[in-house]
Protein backbone atom coordinates (compact mmCIF):
# COMPACT_ATOMS: atom_id res chain seq x y z
CA UNK A 1 0.00 0.00 0.00
CA UNK A 2 1.39 3.41 -1.00
CA UNK A 3 2.16 5.98 1.66
CA UNK A 4 -0.38 8.87 1.56
CA UNK A 5 2.46 11.37 1.15
CA UNK A 6 4.00 9.35 -1.68
CA UNK A 7 2.79 11.76 -4.36
CA UNK A 8 5.76 13.98 -5.36
CA UNK A 9 3.41 16.78 -6.51
CA UNK A 10 2.10 17.09 -2.95
CA UNK A 11 5.62 17.84 -1.74
CA UNK A 12 6.72 20.09 -4.60
CA UNK A 13 3.58 22.20 -4.30
CA UNK A 14 4.01 22.52 -0.55
CA UNK A 15 7.67 23.54 -0.91
CA UNK A 16 6.83 26.02 -3.67
CA UNK A 17 4.34 27.67 -1.33
CA UNK A 18 6.90 27.94 1.44
CA UNK A 19 9.62 29.20 -0.90
CA UNK A 20 7.27 31.81 -2.39
CA UNK A 21 6.47 33.03 1.13
CA UNK A 22 10.21 33.46 1.81
CA UNK A 23 10.67 35.23 -1.54
CA UNK A 24 7.87 37.65 -0.65
CA UNK A 25 9.40 38.27 2.78
CA UNK A 26 12.85 38.94 1.30
CA UNK A 27 11.44 41.42 -1.19
CA UNK A 28 9.37 43.18 1.48
CA UNK A 29 12.44 43.58 3.68
CA UNK A 30 14.39 45.15 0.80
CA UNK A 31 12.14 48.20 1.10
CA UNK A 32 12.73 48.49 4.85
CA UNK A 33 16.53 48.78 4.97
CA UNK A 34 18.66 51.45 3.33
CA UNK A 35 21.85 49.45 2.75
CA UNK A 36 22.86 48.61 -0.84
CA UNK A 37 24.67 45.40 0.12
CA UNK A 38 21.67 44.21 2.12
CA UNK A 39 19.33 44.98 -0.78
CA UNK A 40 21.58 43.14 -3.26
CA UNK A 41 21.92 40.12 -0.96
CA UNK A 42 18.17 39.87 -0.38
CA UNK A 43 17.31 40.37 -4.06
CA UNK A 44 19.87 37.73 -5.08
CA UNK A 45 18.45 35.36 -2.48
CA UNK A 46 14.93 35.91 -3.81
CA UNK A 47 16.14 35.21 -7.37
CA UNK A 48 17.91 31.99 -6.33
CA UNK A 49 14.84 30.73 -4.51
CA UNK A 50 12.74 31.69 -7.53
CA UNK A 51 14.96 29.39 -9.58
CA UNK A 52 14.14 26.53 -7.23
CA UNK A 53 10.42 27.24 -7.56
CA UNK A 54 10.84 27.15 -11.34
CA UNK A 55 12.72 23.84 -11.15
CA UNK A 56 9.95 22.32 -9.02
CA UNK A 57 7.38 23.50 -11.56
CA UNK A 58 9.37 21.92 -14.39
CA UNK A 59 9.57 18.70 -12.40
CA UNK A 60 5.80 18.71 -11.93
CA UNK A 61 5.37 19.21 -15.66
CA UNK A 62 7.88 16.41 -16.33
CA UNK A 63 9.91 18.92 -18.32
CA UNK A 64 13.56 18.18 -19.05
CA UNK A 65 14.20 21.93 -18.73
CA UNK A 66 14.43 21.39 -14.97
CA UNK A 67 17.66 19.47 -15.48
CA UNK A 68 19.30 21.65 -18.14
CA UNK A 69 21.18 24.89 -17.62
PDB file of N, CA and C in Angstrom:
ATOM      1  N   UNK A   1       0.843  -1.185   0.000  1.00  0.00           N
ATOM      2  CA  UNK A   1       0.000   0.000   0.000  1.00  0.00           C
ATOM      3  C   UNK A   1       0.890   1.251   0.000  1.00  0.00           C
ATOM      4  N   UNK A   2       0.596   2.196  -0.879  1.00  0.00           N
ATOM      5  CA  UNK A   2       1.395   3.409  -1.002  1.00  0.00           C
ATOM      6  C   UNK A   2       1.169   4.337   0.188  1.00  0.00           C
ATOM      7  N   UNK A   3       2.230   5.000   0.578  1.00  0.00           N
ATOM      8  CA  UNK A   3       2.157   5.981   1.658  1.00  0.00           C
ATOM      9  C   UNK A   3       1.337   7.174   1.165  1.00  0.00           C
ATOM     10  N   UNK A   4       0.472   7.758   2.006  1.00  0.00           N
ATOM     11  CA  UNK A   4      -0.379   8.872   1.561  1.00  0.00           C
ATOM     12  C   UNK A   4       0.415  10.076   1.060  1.00  0.00           C
ATOM     13  N   UNK A   5       1.626  10.255   1.578  1.00  0.00           N
ATOM     14  CA  UNK A   5       2.459  11.373   1.148  1.00  0.00           C
ATOM     15  C   UNK A   5       3.414  10.972   0.024  1.00  0.00           C
ATOM     16  N   UNK A   6       3.120   9.850  -0.634  1.00  0.00           N
ATOM     17  CA  UNK A   6       4.003   9.345  -1.680  1.00  0.00           C
ATOM     18  C   UNK A   6       3.889  10.067  -3.009  1.00  0.00           C
ATOM     19  N   UNK A   7       2.958  11.002  -3.126  1.00  0.00           N
ATOM     20  CA  UNK A   7       2.786  11.755  -4.363  1.00  0.00           C
ATOM     21  C   UNK A   7       3.788  12.912  -4.380  1.00  0.00           C
ATOM     22  N   UNK A   8       4.755  12.907  -5.323  1.00  0.00           N
ATOM     23  CA  UNK A   8       5.757  13.980  -5.362  1.00  0.00           C
ATOM     24  C   UNK A   8       5.134  15.364  -5.527  1.00  0.00           C
ATOM     25  N   UNK A   9       4.036  15.469  -6.282  1.00  0.00           N
ATOM     26  CA  UNK A   9       3.409  16.776  -6.506  1.00  0.00           C
ATOM     27  C   UNK A   9       2.944  17.399  -5.193  1.00  0.00           C
ATOM     28  N   UNK A  10       2.511  16.581  -4.267  1.00  0.00           N
ATOM     29  CA  UNK A  10       2.104  17.091  -2.950  1.00  0.00           C
ATOM     30  C   UNK A  10       3.271  17.835  -2.307  1.00  0.00           C
ATOM     31  N   UNK A  11       4.442  17.262  -2.383  1.00  0.00           N
ATOM     32  CA  UNK A  11       5.623  17.840  -1.739  1.00  0.00           C
ATOM     33  C   UNK A  11       6.164  19.046  -2.509  1.00  0.00           C
ATOM     34  N   UNK A  12       6.207  18.957  -3.835  1.00  0.00           N
ATOM     35  CA  UNK A  12       6.721  20.091  -4.603  1.00  0.00           C
ATOM     36  C   UNK A  12       5.807  21.302  -4.460  1.00  0.00           C
ATOM     37  N   UNK A  13       4.515  21.081  -4.453  1.00  0.00           N
ATOM     38  CA  UNK A  13       3.581  22.201  -4.297  1.00  0.00           C
ATOM     39  C   UNK A  13       3.704  22.839  -2.914  1.00  0.00           C
ATOM     40  N   UNK A  14       3.860  22.008  -1.905  1.00  0.00           N
ATOM     41  CA  UNK A  14       4.015  22.524  -0.545  1.00  0.00           C
ATOM     42  C   UNK A  14       5.306  23.350  -0.432  1.00  0.00           C
ATOM     43  N   UNK A  15       6.397  22.832  -0.980  1.00  0.00           N
ATOM     44  CA  UNK A  15       7.673  23.544  -0.911  1.00  0.00           C
ATOM     45  C   UNK A  15       7.622  24.834  -1.721  1.00  0.00           C
ATOM     46  N   UNK A  16       6.957  24.804  -2.879  1.00  0.00           N
ATOM     47  CA  UNK A  16       6.829  26.019  -3.675  1.00  0.00           C
ATOM     48  C   UNK A  16       6.090  27.101  -2.887  1.00  0.00           C
ATOM     49  N   UNK A  17       5.070  26.707  -2.161  1.00  0.00           N
ATOM     50  CA  UNK A  17       4.343  27.668  -1.334  1.00  0.00           C
ATOM     51  C   UNK A  17       5.224  28.285  -0.262  1.00  0.00           C
ATOM     52  N   UNK A  18       6.012  27.449   0.387  1.00  0.00           N
ATOM     53  CA  UNK A  18       6.897  27.944   1.439  1.00  0.00           C
ATOM     54  C   UNK A  18       8.005  28.819   0.858  1.00  0.00           C
ATOM     55  N   UNK A  19       8.577  28.399  -0.271  1.00  0.00           N
ATOM     56  CA  UNK A  19       9.619  29.203  -0.905  1.00  0.00           C
ATOM     57  C   UNK A  19       9.062  30.545  -1.369  1.00  0.00           C
ATOM     58  N   UNK A  20       7.872  30.544  -1.950  1.00  0.00           N
ATOM     59  CA  UNK A  20       7.267  31.807  -2.387  1.00  0.00           C
ATOM     60  C   UNK A  20       7.015  32.742  -1.208  1.00  0.00           C
ATOM     61  N   UNK A  21       6.662  32.200  -0.060  1.00  0.00           N
ATOM     62  CA  UNK A  21       6.472  33.028   1.132  1.00  0.00           C
ATOM     63  C   UNK A  21       7.802  33.666   1.545  1.00  0.00           C
ATOM     64  N   UNK A  22       8.887  32.915   1.474  1.00  0.00           N
ATOM     65  CA  UNK A  22      10.207  33.463   1.811  1.00  0.00           C
ATOM     66  C   UNK A  22      10.609  34.524   0.793  1.00  0.00           C
ATOM     67  N   UNK A  23      10.358  34.252  -0.486  1.00  0.00           N
ATOM     68  CA  UNK A  23      10.667  35.231  -1.535  1.00  0.00           C
ATOM     69  C   UNK A  23       9.931  36.536  -1.262  1.00  0.00           C
ATOM     70  N   UNK A  24       8.657  36.444  -0.952  1.00  0.00           N
ATOM     71  CA  UNK A  24       7.870  37.649  -0.649  1.00  0.00           C
ATOM     72  C   UNK A  24       8.447  38.392   0.548  1.00  0.00           C
ATOM     73  N   UNK A  25       8.834  37.662   1.572  1.00  0.00           N
ATOM     74  CA  UNK A  25       9.397  38.270   2.782  1.00  0.00           C
ATOM     75  C   UNK A  25      10.717  38.978   2.459  1.00  0.00           C
ATOM     76  N   UNK A  26      11.578  38.313   1.687  1.00  0.00           N
ATOM     77  CA  UNK A  26      12.848  38.936   1.299  1.00  0.00           C
ATOM     78  C   UNK A  26      12.605  40.248   0.563  1.00  0.00           C
ATOM     79  N   UNK A  27      11.694  40.228  -0.378  1.00  0.00           N
ATOM     80  CA  UNK A  27      11.443  41.424  -1.195  1.00  0.00           C
ATOM     81  C   UNK A  27      10.773  42.532  -0.377  1.00  0.00           C
ATOM     82  N   UNK A  28       9.959  42.171   0.586  1.00  0.00           N
ATOM     83  CA  UNK A  28       9.372  43.181   1.475  1.00  0.00           C
ATOM     84  C   UNK A  28      10.454  43.849   2.313  1.00  0.00           C
ATOM     85  N   UNK A  29      11.381  43.038   2.818  1.00  0.00           N
ATOM     86  CA  UNK A  29      12.437  43.583   3.675  1.00  0.00           C
ATOM     87  C   UNK A  29      13.383  44.493   2.908  1.00  0.00           C
ATOM     88  N   UNK A  30      13.522  44.295   1.607  1.00  0.00           N
ATOM     89  CA  UNK A  30      14.388  45.154   0.796  1.00  0.00           C
ATOM     90  C   UNK A  30      13.947  46.609   0.922  1.00  0.00           C
ATOM     91  N   UNK A  31      12.656  46.833   1.027  1.00  0.00           N
ATOM     92  CA  UNK A  31      12.139  48.203   1.103  1.00  0.00           C
ATOM     93  C   UNK A  31      12.312  48.826   2.484  1.00  0.00           C
ATOM     94  N   UNK A  32      12.670  48.013   3.470  1.00  0.00           N
ATOM     95  CA  UNK A  32      12.734  48.494   4.847  1.00  0.00           C
ATOM     96  C   UNK A  32      14.130  48.927   5.288  1.00  0.00           C
ATOM     97  N   UNK A  33      15.156  48.519   4.545  1.00  0.00           N
ATOM     98  CA  UNK A  33      16.530  48.785   4.971  1.00  0.00           C
ATOM     99  C   UNK A  33      17.245  49.574   3.881  1.00  0.00           C
ATOM    100  N   UNK A  34      17.961  50.601   4.291  1.00  0.00           N
ATOM    101  CA  UNK A  34      18.664  51.454   3.334  1.00  0.00           C
ATOM    102  C   UNK A  34      20.159  51.104   3.328  1.00  0.00           C
ATOM    103  N   UNK A  35      20.460  49.916   2.855  1.00  0.00           N
ATOM    104  CA  UNK A  35      21.847  49.452   2.749  1.00  0.00           C
ATOM    105  C   UNK A  35      21.973  48.710   1.425  1.00  0.00           C
ATOM    106  N   UNK A  36      22.758  49.227   0.486  1.00  0.00           N
ATOM    107  CA  UNK A  36      22.856  48.614  -0.845  1.00  0.00           C
ATOM    108  C   UNK A  36      23.293  47.142  -0.829  1.00  0.00           C
ATOM    109  N   UNK A  37      24.227  46.793   0.047  1.00  0.00           N
ATOM    110  CA  UNK A  37      24.668  45.397   0.117  1.00  0.00           C
ATOM    111  C   UNK A  37      23.552  44.484   0.613  1.00  0.00           C
ATOM    112  N   UNK A  38      22.810  44.959   1.599  1.00  0.00           N
ATOM    113  CA  UNK A  38      21.670  44.208   2.116  1.00  0.00           C
ATOM    114  C   UNK A  38      20.647  43.981   1.013  1.00  0.00           C
ATOM    115  N   UNK A  39      20.315  45.064   0.295  1.00  0.00           N
ATOM    116  CA  UNK A  39      19.331  44.980  -0.780  1.00  0.00           C
ATOM    117  C   UNK A  39      19.782  43.989  -1.849  1.00  0.00           C
ATOM    118  N   UNK A  40      21.054  44.044  -2.236  1.00  0.00           N
ATOM    119  CA  UNK A  40      21.584  43.137  -3.256  1.00  0.00           C
ATOM    120  C   UNK A  40      21.539  41.688  -2.771  1.00  0.00           C
ATOM    121  N   UNK A  41      21.914  41.476  -1.518  1.00  0.00           N
ATOM    122  CA  UNK A  41      21.915  40.124  -0.965  1.00  0.00           C
ATOM    123  C   UNK A  41      20.499  39.555  -0.911  1.00  0.00           C
ATOM    124  N   UNK A  42      19.542  40.354  -0.485  1.00  0.00           N
ATOM    125  CA  UNK A  42      18.172  39.865  -0.383  1.00  0.00           C
ATOM    126  C   UNK A  42      17.549  39.659  -1.760  1.00  0.00           C
ATOM    127  N   UNK A  43      17.846  40.541  -2.715  1.00  0.00           N
ATOM    128  CA  UNK A  43      17.307  40.370  -4.060  1.00  0.00           C
ATOM    129  C   UNK A  43      17.912  39.134  -4.717  1.00  0.00           C
ATOM    130  N   UNK A  44      19.220  38.923  -4.535  1.00  0.00           N
ATOM    131  CA  UNK A  44      19.865  37.735  -5.081  1.00  0.00           C
ATOM    132  C   UNK A  44      19.278  36.474  -4.453  1.00  0.00           C
ATOM    133  N   UNK A  45      19.052  36.504  -3.167  1.00  0.00           N
ATOM    134  CA  UNK A  45      18.453  35.360  -2.482  1.00  0.00           C
ATOM    135  C   UNK A  45      17.064  35.057  -3.039  1.00  0.00           C
ATOM    136  N   UNK A  46      16.274  36.099  -3.258  1.00  0.00           N
ATOM    137  CA  UNK A  46      14.930  35.911  -3.815  1.00  0.00           C
ATOM    138  C   UNK A  46      15.013  35.307  -5.213  1.00  0.00           C
ATOM    139  N   UNK A  47      15.971  35.745  -6.017  1.00  0.00           N
ATOM    140  CA  UNK A  47      16.137  35.210  -7.370  1.00  0.00           C
ATOM    141  C   UNK A  47      16.550  33.740  -7.339  1.00  0.00           C
ATOM    142  N   UNK A  48      17.461  33.388  -6.451  1.00  0.00           N
ATOM    143  CA  UNK A  48      17.907  31.992  -6.333  1.00  0.00           C
ATOM    144  C   UNK A  48      16.745  31.094  -5.924  1.00  0.00           C
ATOM    145  N   UNK A  49      15.989  31.520  -4.937  1.00  0.00           N
ATOM    146  CA  UNK A  49      14.837  30.728  -4.508  1.00  0.00           C
ATOM    147  C   UNK A  49      13.792  30.643  -5.617  1.00  0.00           C
ATOM    148  N   UNK A  50      13.644  31.710  -6.388  1.00  0.00           N
ATOM    149  CA  UNK A  50      12.741  31.687  -7.533  1.00  0.00           C
ATOM    150  C   UNK A  50      13.155  30.633  -8.550  1.00  0.00           C
ATOM    151  N   UNK A  51      14.466  30.448  -8.702  1.00  0.00           N
ATOM    152  CA  UNK A  51      14.964  29.391  -9.584  1.00  0.00           C
ATOM    153  C   UNK A  51      14.572  28.006  -9.088  1.00  0.00           C
ATOM    154  N   UNK A  52      14.581  27.812  -7.794  1.00  0.00           N
ATOM    155  CA  UNK A  52      14.139  26.531  -7.225  1.00  0.00           C
ATOM    156  C   UNK A  52      12.656  26.310  -7.467  1.00  0.00           C
ATOM    157  N   UNK A  53      11.859  27.355  -7.299  1.00  0.00           N
ATOM    158  CA  UNK A  53      10.424  27.245  -7.560  1.00  0.00           C
ATOM    159  C   UNK A  53      10.206  26.841  -9.018  1.00  0.00           C
ATOM    160  N   UNK A  54      10.949  27.460  -9.905  1.00  0.00           N
ATOM    161  CA  UNK A  54      10.839  27.147 -11.337  1.00  0.00           C
ATOM    162  C   UNK A  54      11.238  25.690 -11.610  1.00  0.00           C
ATOM    163  N   UNK A  55      12.292  25.227 -10.971  1.00  0.00           N
ATOM    164  CA  UNK A  55      12.722  23.838 -11.147  1.00  0.00           C
ATOM    165  C   UNK A  55      11.655  22.866 -10.650  1.00  0.00           C
ATOM    166  N   UNK A  56      11.025  23.182  -9.527  1.00  0.00           N
ATOM    167  CA  UNK A  56       9.948  22.323  -9.019  1.00  0.00           C
ATOM    168  C   UNK A  56       8.782  22.288  -9.992  1.00  0.00           C
ATOM    169  N   UNK A  57       8.462  23.435 -10.578  1.00  0.00           N
ATOM    170  CA  UNK A  57       7.380  23.499 -11.562  1.00  0.00           C
ATOM    171  C   UNK A  57       7.714  22.645 -12.775  1.00  0.00           C
ATOM    172  N   UNK A  58       8.949  22.745 -13.248  1.00  0.00           N
ATOM    173  CA  UNK A  58       9.366  21.923 -14.388  1.00  0.00           C
ATOM    174  C   UNK A  58       9.292  20.438 -14.045  1.00  0.00           C
ATOM    175  N   UNK A  59       9.666  20.093 -12.834  1.00  0.00           N
ATOM    176  CA  UNK A  59       9.571  18.696 -12.399  1.00  0.00           C
ATOM    177  C   UNK A  59       8.117  18.232 -12.452  1.00  0.00           C
ATOM    178  N   UNK A  60       7.219  19.064 -11.933  1.00  0.00           N
ATOM    179  CA  UNK A  60       5.796  18.710 -11.927  1.00  0.00           C
ATOM    180  C   UNK A  60       5.269  18.518 -13.346  1.00  0.00           C
ATOM    181  N   UNK A  61       5.806  19.296 -14.271  1.00  0.00           N
ATOM    182  CA  UNK A  61       5.373  19.211 -15.664  1.00  0.00           C
ATOM    183  C   UNK A  61       6.154  18.146 -16.436  1.00  0.00           C
ATOM    184  N   UNK A  62       7.023  17.450 -15.737  1.00  0.00           N
ATOM    185  CA  UNK A  62       7.881  16.413 -16.327  1.00  0.00           C
ATOM    186  C   UNK A  62       8.722  16.984 -17.474  1.00  0.00           C
ATOM    187  N   UNK A  63       9.124  18.234 -17.311  1.00  0.00           N
ATOM    188  CA  UNK A  63       9.910  18.921 -18.324  1.00  0.00           C
ATOM    189  C   UNK A  63      11.389  18.651 -18.098  1.00  0.00           C
ATOM    190  N   UNK A  64      12.126  18.380 -19.170  1.00  0.00           N
ATOM    191  CA  UNK A  64      13.564  18.185 -19.053  1.00  0.00           C
ATOM    192  C   UNK A  64      14.272  19.501 -18.798  1.00  0.00           C
ATOM    193  N   UNK A  65      13.585  20.629 -18.979  1.00  0.00           N
ATOM    194  CA  UNK A  65      14.202  21.930 -18.732  1.00  0.00           C
ATOM    195  C   UNK A  65      14.657  22.063 -17.273  1.00  0.00           C
ATOM    196  N   UNK A  66      14.049  21.314 -16.381  1.00  0.00           N
ATOM    197  CA  UNK A  66      14.431  21.390 -14.972  1.00  0.00           C
ATOM    198  C   UNK A  66      15.849  20.887 -14.760  1.00  0.00           C
ATOM    199  N   UNK A  67      16.352  20.095 -15.675  1.00  0.00           N
ATOM    200  CA  UNK A  67      17.664  19.473 -15.476  1.00  0.00           C
ATOM    201  C   UNK A  67      18.703  20.004 -16.464  1.00  0.00           C
ATOM    202  N   UNK A  68      18.355  21.032 -17.196  1.00  0.00           N
ATOM    203  CA  UNK A  68      19.298  21.648 -18.138  1.00  0.00           C
ATOM    204  C   UNK A  68      19.583  23.071 -17.684  1.00  0.00           C
ATOM    205  N   UNK A  69      20.766  23.542 -18.010  1.00  0.00           N
ATOM    206  CA  UNK A  69      21.178  24.886 -17.624  1.00  0.00           C
ATOM    207  C   UNK A  69      20.564  25.987 -18.405  1.00  0.00           C
TER     208      UNK A  69
END
